Amino acid sequence: MSAIREREALRAEISAFCKKLVLSQRAVQLCETEATPKQEEFLHRVLSEEMESRERSRRTRLLSRAGFPVYKTLEGYERHGVKLPSSLQWSDLTEGTFIEGRRNLVLYGPVGTGKM
């Protein structure tokens, strides 16, 4: 009896996925008449992963449209050509102590300095 309830719950989720993906309910009808339990599980997995993929793409698209600043780290930063002011040490830069002191920061070097 619980296997029947599990299949009904699976079909209900498949139906919800179809609605969210703007598909007809034909997949649910086929599950009721022709699909084996394994086929229903596979269809559920496919639709579930498609929903997750679309959600990830949606979030990525919306974040890129929002125009938030891109945060960067100093990892992999090539600093061999960078000249720091005499009052500033590299550790001041990596630890951000110049920010606490409310000091401006200007790095000198050839074009493309710091690019990986």
Protein backbone atom coordinates (compact mmCIF):
# COMPACT_ATOMS: atom_id res chain seq x y z
CA MET A 1 0.00 0.00 0.00
CA SER A 2 2.85 2.42 0.75
CA ALA A 3 4.35 1.79 -2.70
CA ILE A 4 1.14 3.09 -4.25
CA ARG A 5 1.28 6.22 -2.07
CA GLU A 6 4.93 6.75 -2.97
CA ARG A 7 4.11 6.55 -6.67
CA GLU A 8 1.21 8.96 -6.22
CA ALA A 9 3.49 11.39 -4.38
CA LEU A 10 6.08 11.03 -7.13
CA ARG A 11 3.43 11.74 -9.77
CA ALA A 12 2.26 14.78 -7.82
CA GLU A 13 5.83 16.12 -7.83
CA ILE A 14 6.17 15.33 -11.55
CA SER A 15 2.94 17.23 -12.12
CA ALA A 16 4.26 20.22 -10.18
CA PHE A 17 7.51 20.13 -12.16
CA CYS A 18 5.55 20.03 -15.42
CA LYS A 19 3.58 23.11 -14.34
CA LYS A 20 6.72 25.01 -13.39
CA LEU A 21 8.46 24.00 -16.63
CA VAL A 22 5.34 24.94 -18.64
CA LEU A 23 4.82 21.41 -19.93
CA SER A 24 1.54 19.59 -20.44
CA GLN A 25 0.37 16.99 -17.95
CA ARG A 26 0.78 14.26 -20.57
CA ALA A 27 3.87 12.93 -18.75
CA VAL A 28 1.76 12.33 -15.63
CA GLN A 29 -0.90 10.57 -17.69
CA LEU A 30 1.72 8.32 -19.26
CA CYS A 31 3.12 7.54 -15.80
CA GLU A 32 -0.32 6.44 -14.66
CA THR A 33 -0.95 4.16 -17.62
CA GLU A 34 2.35 2.94 -19.04
CA ALA A 35 5.41 3.75 -16.93
CA THR A 36 7.16 1.40 -14.55
CA PRO A 37 8.20 2.67 -11.11
CA LYS A 38 11.82 2.95 -12.28
CA GLN A 39 10.76 4.99 -15.30
CA GLU A 40 8.75 7.32 -13.06
CA GLU A 41 11.76 7.75 -10.77
CA PHE A 42 13.94 8.54 -13.77
CA LEU A 43 11.46 11.08 -15.13
CA HIS A 44 11.22 12.66 -11.67
CA ARG A 45 15.02 12.91 -11.48
CA VAL A 46 15.27 14.44 -14.97
CA LEU A 47 12.62 17.06 -14.24
CA SER A 48 14.09 17.80 -10.82
CA GLU A 49 17.57 18.34 -12.21
CA GLU A 50 16.16 20.53 -14.99
CA MET A 51 14.43 22.69 -12.38
CA GLU A 52 17.68 23.00 -10.40
CA SER A 53 19.61 23.86 -13.56
CA ARG A 54 17.13 26.55 -14.51
CA GLU A 55 17.21 27.98 -11.00
CA ARG A 56 21.02 28.16 -11.04
CA SER A 57 20.95 29.82 -14.47
CA ARG A 58 18.26 32.23 -13.31
CA ARG A 59 20.26 33.25 -10.24
CA THR A 60 23.43 33.70 -12.29
CA ARG A 61 21.58 35.76 -14.90
CA LEU A 62 19.88 37.98 -12.30
CA LEU A 63 23.13 38.54 -10.40
CA SER A 64 24.94 39.55 -13.57
CA ARG A 65 22.08 41.90 -14.50
CA ALA A 66 22.15 43.47 -11.05
CA GLY A 67 25.62 44.83 -11.76
CA PHE A 68 27.07 44.13 -8.34
CA PRO A 69 30.76 44.86 -8.07
CA VAL A 70 33.07 41.95 -8.72
CA TYR A 71 35.07 41.10 -5.64
CA LYS A 72 38.64 40.07 -6.22
CA THR A 73 41.33 38.66 -3.98
CA LEU A 74 45.09 39.00 -4.02
CA GLU A 75 45.51 35.29 -4.64
CA GLY A 76 47.60 34.77 -7.76
CA TYR A 77 48.38 38.50 -7.98
CA GLU A 78 51.72 39.14 -9.69
CA ARG A 79 53.38 41.85 -7.61
CA HIS A 80 56.95 41.67 -8.88
CA GLY A 81 56.59 44.91 -10.90
CA VAL A 82 54.53 46.80 -8.34
CA LYS A 83 56.15 49.68 -6.45
CA LEU A 84 54.49 50.53 -3.17
CA PRO A 85 54.84 53.94 -1.51
CA SER A 86 57.59 53.98 1.12
CA SER A 87 55.03 54.38 3.88
CA LEU A 88 53.23 51.18 2.88
CA GLN A 89 54.29 47.56 3.26
CA TRP A 90 52.86 44.62 1.31
CA SER A 91 51.39 43.28 4.56
CA ASP A 92 49.46 46.57 4.92
CA LEU A 93 47.90 45.84 1.56
CA THR A 94 47.05 42.20 2.23
CA GLU A 95 45.69 42.88 5.71
CA GLY A 96 43.85 46.05 4.68
CA THR A 97 45.37 48.25 7.39
CA PHE A 98 45.47 51.19 4.97
CA ILE A 99 41.66 51.08 5.00
CA GLU A 100 41.47 51.40 8.77
CA GLY A 101 43.81 54.38 8.59
CA ARG A 102 41.61 55.90 5.85
CA ARG A 103 44.60 56.30 3.55
CA ASN A 104 44.42 56.27 -0.22
CA LEU A 105 46.29 53.58 -2.07
CA VAL A 106 48.13 54.07 -5.36
CA LEU A 107 50.13 51.25 -6.92
CA TYR A 108 52.75 52.07 -9.54
CA GLY A 109 53.83 49.70 -12.27
CA PRO A 110 53.74 48.99 -15.99
CA VAL A 111 50.49 48.44 -17.86
CA GLY A 112 48.88 45.11 -16.97
CA THR A 113 50.66 44.84 -13.64
CA GLY A 114 48.92 42.38 -11.39
CA LYS A 115 47.08 40.49 -14.13
CA MET A 116 47.38 36.75 -14.12
